[in-house]
Amino acid sequence: MLYTVQVRGITWAGTRTSRATEMVELLGQVLGLTRSHEEAGFVALTTTDGDTVEVFNDEDTQNRHLTTGPVVGFQVDDVEAGRSELEQAGIELIGPVQHGGGLVWQHFRAPDGNIWEITSRTG
């Protein structure tokens, strides 16, 4: 089968850690990302190119499935088409397509057991 969804880049990465404070310090103070959003359970930081790195701590209750280490979001043009192709390929999808913060995304479990996502910007 020929698949047509093409990865354009990496636009998002996230990690769950019990050392969130230290991770946010590394990303912000050492690597120069800008803190762009914060709420109970996570902090979002942004690169100069507009890509996002999110750090989830133990208080976060919405992303409990992010358990395999850093999760990377591959940029695609059409998440719905990508979801369909992942499904056709027999890849395990995790939940429905999500929307928020100017992004749309779909988590999936790769054959190696790690969680990844496809994502695109909505604006």
N, C-alpha and C. Protein backbone atom coordinates (compact mmCIF):
# COMPACT_ATOMS: atom_id res chain seq x y z
N MET A 1 0.84 -1.18 0.00
CA MET A 1 0.00 0.00 0.00
C MET A 1 0.89 1.25 0.00
N LEU A 2 0.52 2.23 -0.79
CA LEU A 2 1.25 3.50 -0.86
C LEU A 2 0.62 4.49 0.10
N TYR A 3 1.41 5.03 1.01
CA TYR A 3 0.94 6.04 1.96
C TYR A 3 1.34 7.40 1.46
N THR A 4 0.49 8.41 1.69
CA THR A 4 0.73 9.73 1.12
C THR A 4 1.05 10.81 2.14
N VAL A 5 0.82 10.56 3.42
CA VAL A 5 1.12 11.58 4.43
C VAL A 5 2.64 11.67 4.58
N GLN A 6 3.15 12.89 4.49
CA GLN A 6 4.58 13.13 4.59
C GLN A 6 4.90 13.92 5.84
N VAL A 7 5.91 13.52 6.57
CA VAL A 7 6.36 14.27 7.75
C VAL A 7 7.16 15.47 7.25
N ARG A 8 6.79 16.66 7.74
CA ARG A 8 7.43 17.92 7.34
C ARG A 8 8.50 18.37 8.33
N GLY A 9 8.44 17.84 9.54
CA GLY A 9 9.39 18.24 10.57
C GLY A 9 8.90 17.76 11.93
N ILE A 10 9.56 18.21 12.95
CA ILE A 10 9.16 17.89 14.32
C ILE A 10 8.72 19.20 14.96
N THR A 11 7.45 19.28 15.37
CA THR A 11 6.91 20.53 15.90
C THR A 11 6.64 20.50 17.39
N TRP A 12 6.65 19.33 17.99
CA TRP A 12 6.29 19.21 19.40
C TRP A 12 7.06 18.07 20.03
N ALA A 13 7.43 18.27 21.28
CA ALA A 13 7.99 17.18 22.08
C ALA A 13 7.48 17.38 23.50
N GLY A 14 7.23 16.28 24.17
CA GLY A 14 6.77 16.36 25.55
C GLY A 14 7.36 15.24 26.37
N THR A 15 7.49 15.50 27.67
CA THR A 15 8.02 14.48 28.56
C THR A 15 7.32 14.55 29.90
N ARG A 16 7.10 13.41 30.51
CA ARG A 16 6.56 13.33 31.87
C ARG A 16 7.72 12.98 32.78
N THR A 17 7.85 13.75 33.87
CA THR A 17 8.98 13.53 34.76
C THR A 17 8.66 13.97 36.17
N SER A 18 9.26 13.30 37.13
CA SER A 18 9.13 13.71 38.53
C SER A 18 10.12 14.84 38.84
N ARG A 19 10.95 15.20 37.87
CA ARG A 19 11.93 16.28 38.04
C ARG A 19 11.60 17.43 37.08
N ALA A 20 10.32 17.80 37.05
CA ALA A 20 9.85 18.82 36.13
C ALA A 20 10.53 20.17 36.35
N THR A 21 10.72 20.56 37.58
CA THR A 21 11.35 21.85 37.86
C THR A 21 12.72 21.93 37.23
N GLU A 22 13.50 20.88 37.39
CA GLU A 22 14.84 20.86 36.81
C GLU A 22 14.79 20.83 35.28
N MET A 23 13.83 20.12 34.71
CA MET A 23 13.71 20.06 33.25
C MET A 23 13.35 21.42 32.69
N VAL A 24 12.41 22.11 33.34
CA VAL A 24 12.01 23.44 32.88
C VAL A 24 13.19 24.40 32.98
N GLU A 25 13.97 24.29 34.04
CA GLU A 25 15.16 25.12 34.20
C GLU A 25 16.16 24.84 33.08
N LEU A 26 16.41 23.58 32.78
CA LEU A 26 17.32 23.23 31.69
C LEU A 26 16.82 23.82 30.36
N LEU A 27 15.57 23.58 30.05
CA LEU A 27 15.03 24.04 28.77
C LEU A 27 15.00 25.56 28.67
N GLY A 28 14.62 26.23 29.75
CA GLY A 28 14.50 27.68 29.71
C GLY A 28 15.80 28.42 29.93
N GLN A 29 16.50 28.10 30.99
CA GLN A 29 17.69 28.87 31.35
C GLN A 29 18.95 28.42 30.60
N VAL A 30 19.06 27.14 30.35
CA VAL A 30 20.27 26.63 29.69
C VAL A 30 20.11 26.61 28.17
N LEU A 31 18.97 26.11 27.69
CA LEU A 31 18.78 25.97 26.24
C LEU A 31 18.06 27.16 25.60
N GLY A 32 17.55 28.08 26.41
CA GLY A 32 17.01 29.32 25.88
C GLY A 32 15.59 29.29 25.34
N LEU A 33 14.81 28.26 25.65
CA LEU A 33 13.41 28.26 25.24
C LEU A 33 12.64 29.25 26.11
N THR A 34 11.55 29.78 25.59
CA THR A 34 10.73 30.76 26.30
C THR A 34 9.50 30.08 26.88
N ARG A 35 9.25 30.32 28.15
CA ARG A 35 8.05 29.77 28.81
C ARG A 35 6.83 30.43 28.17
N SER A 36 5.96 29.63 27.57
CA SER A 36 4.81 30.17 26.83
C SER A 36 3.47 29.87 27.47
N HIS A 37 3.42 28.89 28.34
CA HIS A 37 2.15 28.54 29.00
C HIS A 37 2.47 27.71 30.24
N GLU A 38 1.67 27.91 31.27
CA GLU A 38 1.86 27.14 32.49
C GLU A 38 0.53 26.96 33.18
N GLU A 39 0.28 25.76 33.66
CA GLU A 39 -0.89 25.46 34.48
C GLU A 39 -0.56 24.26 35.34
N ALA A 40 -1.46 23.94 36.25
CA ALA A 40 -1.20 22.81 37.14
C ALA A 40 -0.90 21.57 36.30
N GLY A 41 0.25 20.99 36.52
CA GLY A 41 0.60 19.75 35.83
C GLY A 41 1.57 19.88 34.68
N PHE A 42 1.68 21.08 34.09
CA PHE A 42 2.65 21.17 33.00
C PHE A 42 3.07 22.60 32.70
N VAL A 43 4.22 22.68 32.03
CA VAL A 43 4.76 23.94 31.54
C VAL A 43 5.09 23.74 30.07
N ALA A 44 4.69 24.70 29.24
CA ALA A 44 5.02 24.68 27.82
C ALA A 44 6.09 25.73 27.56
N LEU A 45 7.08 25.35 26.77
CA LEU A 45 8.14 26.27 26.36
C LEU A 45 8.20 26.27 24.84
N THR A 46 8.68 27.37 24.28
CA THR A 46 8.68 27.52 22.83
C THR A 46 10.08 27.85 22.32
N THR A 47 10.43 27.26 21.19
CA THR A 47 11.70 27.57 20.54
C THR A 47 11.55 28.86 19.73
N THR A 48 12.65 29.40 19.26
CA THR A 48 12.58 30.61 18.43
C THR A 48 11.86 30.35 17.11
N ASP A 49 11.78 29.09 16.67
CA ASP A 49 11.05 28.74 15.44
C ASP A 49 9.57 28.49 15.69
N GLY A 50 9.13 28.56 16.97
CA GLY A 50 7.73 28.37 17.30
C GLY A 50 7.34 26.95 17.65
N ASP A 51 8.31 26.05 17.73
CA ASP A 51 8.01 24.67 18.12
C ASP A 51 7.85 24.62 19.64
N THR A 52 7.14 23.61 20.12
CA THR A 52 6.78 23.53 21.53
C THR A 52 7.39 22.31 22.20
N VAL A 53 7.87 22.51 23.42
CA VAL A 53 8.30 21.42 24.29
C VAL A 53 7.48 21.56 25.57
N GLU A 54 6.79 20.49 25.97
CA GLU A 54 5.97 20.51 27.17
C GLU A 54 6.54 19.53 28.20
N VAL A 55 6.57 19.99 29.43
CA VAL A 55 7.05 19.17 30.55
C VAL A 55 5.88 18.92 31.47
N PHE A 56 5.52 17.64 31.62
CA PHE A 56 4.40 17.24 32.47
C PHE A 56 4.93 16.71 33.79
N ASN A 57 4.30 17.11 34.89
CA ASN A 57 4.73 16.61 36.19
C ASN A 57 3.68 15.67 36.76
N ASP A 58 3.86 15.25 37.99
CA ASP A 58 2.96 14.26 38.59
C ASP A 58 1.54 14.78 38.81
N GLU A 59 1.34 16.10 38.79
CA GLU A 59 0.00 16.67 38.97
C GLU A 59 -0.85 16.58 37.71
N ASP A 60 -0.23 16.40 36.56
CA ASP A 60 -0.96 16.35 35.30
C ASP A 60 -1.82 15.09 35.24
N THR A 61 -3.11 15.26 34.98
CA THR A 61 -4.02 14.12 34.92
C THR A 61 -4.51 13.84 33.51
N GLN A 62 -4.23 14.71 32.55
CA GLN A 62 -4.79 14.55 31.21
C GLN A 62 -3.90 13.76 30.26
N ASN A 63 -2.66 13.59 30.59
CA ASN A 63 -1.72 12.92 29.67
C ASN A 63 -1.04 11.73 30.33
N ARG A 64 -1.77 10.97 31.08
CA ARG A 64 -1.21 9.81 31.79
C ARG A 64 -0.64 8.76 30.85
N HIS A 65 -1.07 8.76 29.61
CA HIS A 65 -0.58 7.77 28.65
C HIS A 65 0.84 8.09 28.18
N LEU A 66 1.36 9.26 28.48
CA LEU A 66 2.73 9.61 28.09
C LEU A 66 3.70 9.03 29.10
N THR A 67 4.02 7.75 28.92
CA THR A 67 4.80 7.02 29.90
C THR A 67 6.09 6.44 29.36
N THR A 68 6.37 6.63 28.08
CA THR A 68 7.51 5.94 27.48
C THR A 68 8.72 6.84 27.31
N GLY A 69 8.75 7.97 27.97
CA GLY A 69 9.85 8.90 27.80
C GLY A 69 9.41 10.05 26.94
N PRO A 70 10.33 10.81 26.41
CA PRO A 70 9.92 11.92 25.55
C PRO A 70 9.07 11.44 24.39
N VAL A 71 8.02 12.19 24.11
CA VAL A 71 7.12 11.92 22.99
C VAL A 71 7.37 13.01 21.96
N VAL A 72 7.50 12.62 20.71
CA VAL A 72 7.80 13.56 19.63
C VAL A 72 6.59 13.67 18.71
N GLY A 73 6.31 14.89 18.30
CA GLY A 73 5.21 15.14 17.36
C GLY A 73 5.73 15.45 15.98
N PHE A 74 5.41 14.58 15.02
CA PHE A 74 5.82 14.79 13.64
C PHE A 74 4.82 15.71 12.94
N GLN A 75 5.31 16.77 12.32
CA GLN A 75 4.43 17.69 11.61
C GLN A 75 3.99 17.07 10.29
N VAL A 76 2.67 17.08 10.08
CA VAL A 76 2.08 16.63 8.83
C VAL A 76 1.09 17.69 8.36
N ASP A 77 0.69 17.62 7.12
CA ASP A 77 -0.26 18.60 6.59
C ASP A 77 -1.69 18.30 7.03
N ASP A 78 -2.03 17.01 7.20
CA ASP A 78 -3.41 16.62 7.48
C ASP A 78 -3.43 15.49 8.51
N VAL A 79 -3.76 15.82 9.76
CA VAL A 79 -3.76 14.83 10.83
C VAL A 79 -4.83 13.77 10.60
N GLU A 80 -6.01 14.16 10.11
CA GLU A 80 -7.08 13.18 9.86
C GLU A 80 -6.64 12.15 8.82
N ALA A 81 -6.00 12.60 7.75
CA ALA A 81 -5.51 11.66 6.73
C ALA A 81 -4.41 10.78 7.31
N GLY A 82 -3.54 11.39 8.11
CA GLY A 82 -2.48 10.61 8.76
C GLY A 82 -3.05 9.57 9.70
N ARG A 83 -4.08 9.95 10.47
CA ARG A 83 -4.74 9.02 11.37
C ARG A 83 -5.29 7.83 10.58
N SER A 84 -5.92 8.12 9.47
CA SER A 84 -6.48 7.06 8.63
C SER A 84 -5.39 6.11 8.13
N GLU A 85 -4.26 6.67 7.72
CA GLU A 85 -3.17 5.83 7.23
C GLU A 85 -2.54 5.00 8.34
N LEU A 86 -2.39 5.59 9.53
CA LEU A 86 -1.88 4.83 10.67
C LEU A 86 -2.81 3.66 10.97
N GLU A 87 -4.10 3.94 10.97
CA GLU A 87 -5.09 2.90 11.26
C GLU A 87 -5.03 1.79 10.22
N GLN A 88 -4.94 2.16 8.94
CA GLN A 88 -4.85 1.17 7.86
C GLN A 88 -3.59 0.32 7.99
N ALA A 89 -2.53 0.91 8.54
CA ALA A 89 -1.27 0.19 8.71
C ALA A 89 -1.27 -0.69 9.96
N GLY A 90 -2.38 -0.68 10.71
CA GLY A 90 -2.46 -1.51 11.90
C GLY A 90 -1.79 -0.92 13.13
N ILE A 91 -1.54 0.38 13.11
CA ILE A 91 -0.88 1.04 14.24
C ILE A 91 -1.94 1.38 15.29
N GLU A 92 -1.61 1.16 16.56
CA GLU A 92 -2.52 1.44 17.66
C GLU A 92 -2.66 2.95 17.87
N LEU A 93 -3.88 3.46 17.71
CA LEU A 93 -4.16 4.87 17.96
C LEU A 93 -4.53 5.04 19.42
N ILE A 94 -4.13 6.15 20.02
CA ILE A 94 -4.43 6.40 21.43
C ILE A 94 -5.39 7.58 21.49
N GLY A 95 -6.65 7.29 21.77
CA GLY A 95 -7.66 8.32 21.89
C GLY A 95 -8.03 8.93 20.55
N PRO A 96 -8.92 9.93 20.61
CA PRO A 96 -9.33 10.62 19.38
C PRO A 96 -8.35 11.72 19.01
N VAL A 97 -8.57 12.33 17.87
CA VAL A 97 -7.80 13.50 17.47
C VAL A 97 -8.05 14.60 18.50
N GLN A 98 -6.98 15.29 18.91
CA GLN A 98 -7.07 16.34 19.92
C GLN A 98 -6.82 17.70 19.27
N HIS A 99 -7.37 18.75 19.90
CA HIS A 99 -7.20 20.12 19.42
C HIS A 99 -6.87 21.02 20.59
N GLY A 100 -5.94 21.95 20.40
CA GLY A 100 -5.65 22.93 21.44
C GLY A 100 -4.39 23.71 21.16
N GLY A 101 -4.35 24.94 21.62
CA GLY A 101 -3.16 25.76 21.50
C GLY A 101 -2.69 25.98 20.07
N GLY A 102 -3.64 26.01 19.13
CA GLY A 102 -3.26 26.22 17.74
C GLY A 102 -2.75 24.98 17.04
N LEU A 103 -2.89 23.81 17.67
CA LEU A 103 -2.44 22.54 17.09
C LEU A 103 -3.57 21.53 17.06
N VAL A 104 -3.43 20.56 16.19
CA VAL A 104 -4.28 19.37 16.17
C VAL A 104 -3.32 18.19 16.14
N TRP A 105 -3.63 17.11 16.92
CA TRP A 105 -2.69 16.00 17.00
C TRP A 105 -3.39 14.68 17.28
N GLN A 106 -2.66 13.60 17.01
CA GLN A 106 -3.12 12.23 17.25
C GLN A 106 -1.96 11.43 17.81
N HIS A 107 -2.12 10.90 19.02
CA HIS A 107 -1.09 10.03 19.60
C HIS A 107 -1.26 8.62 19.04
N PHE A 108 -0.13 7.91 18.96
CA PHE A 108 -0.16 6.50 18.54
C PHE A 108 1.00 5.76 19.18
N ARG A 109 0.84 4.44 19.29
CA ARG A 109 1.91 3.59 19.83
C ARG A 109 2.61 2.91 18.66
N ALA A 110 3.91 3.13 18.55
CA ALA A 110 4.70 2.55 17.47
C ALA A 110 4.98 1.07 17.77
N PRO A 111 5.43 0.33 16.78
CA PRO A 111 5.73 -1.08 16.99
C PRO A 111 6.74 -1.35 18.11
N ASP A 112 7.60 -0.38 18.41
CA ASP A 112 8.57 -0.57 19.49
C ASP A 112 7.98 -0.30 20.87
N GLY A 113 6.69 0.07 20.93
CA GLY A 113 6.01 0.31 22.20
C GLY A 113 6.02 1.76 22.64
N ASN A 114 6.83 2.60 21.98
CA ASN A 114 6.89 4.01 22.35
C ASN A 114 5.71 4.78 21.77
N ILE A 115 5.36 5.87 22.46
CA ILE A 115 4.27 6.72 22.02
C ILE A 115 4.85 7.88 21.21
N TRP A 116 4.19 8.18 20.09
CA TRP A 116 4.56 9.27 19.19
C TRP A 116 3.27 10.02 18.87
N GLU A 117 3.37 11.07 18.06
CA GLU A 117 2.17 11.74 17.58
C GLU A 117 2.43 12.35 16.22
N ILE A 118 1.33 12.52 15.48
CA ILE A 118 1.36 13.36 14.29
C ILE A 118 0.62 14.62 14.67
N THR A 119 1.06 15.75 14.14
CA THR A 119 0.49 17.04 14.54
C THR A 119 0.56 18.03 13.40
N SER A 120 -0.33 19.02 13.44
CA SER A 120 -0.26 20.13 12.50
C SER A 120 -0.77 21.38 13.18
N ARG A 121 -0.35 22.50 12.66
CA ARG A 121 -0.81 23.79 13.18
C ARG A 121 -2.15 24.12 12.56
N THR A 122 -3.03 24.76 13.32
CA THR A 122 -4.35 25.09 12.80
C THR A 122 -4.47 26.54 12.36
N GLY A 123 -3.46 27.34 12.62
CA GLY A 123 -3.61 28.76 12.29
C GLY A 123 -2.53 29.32 11.55
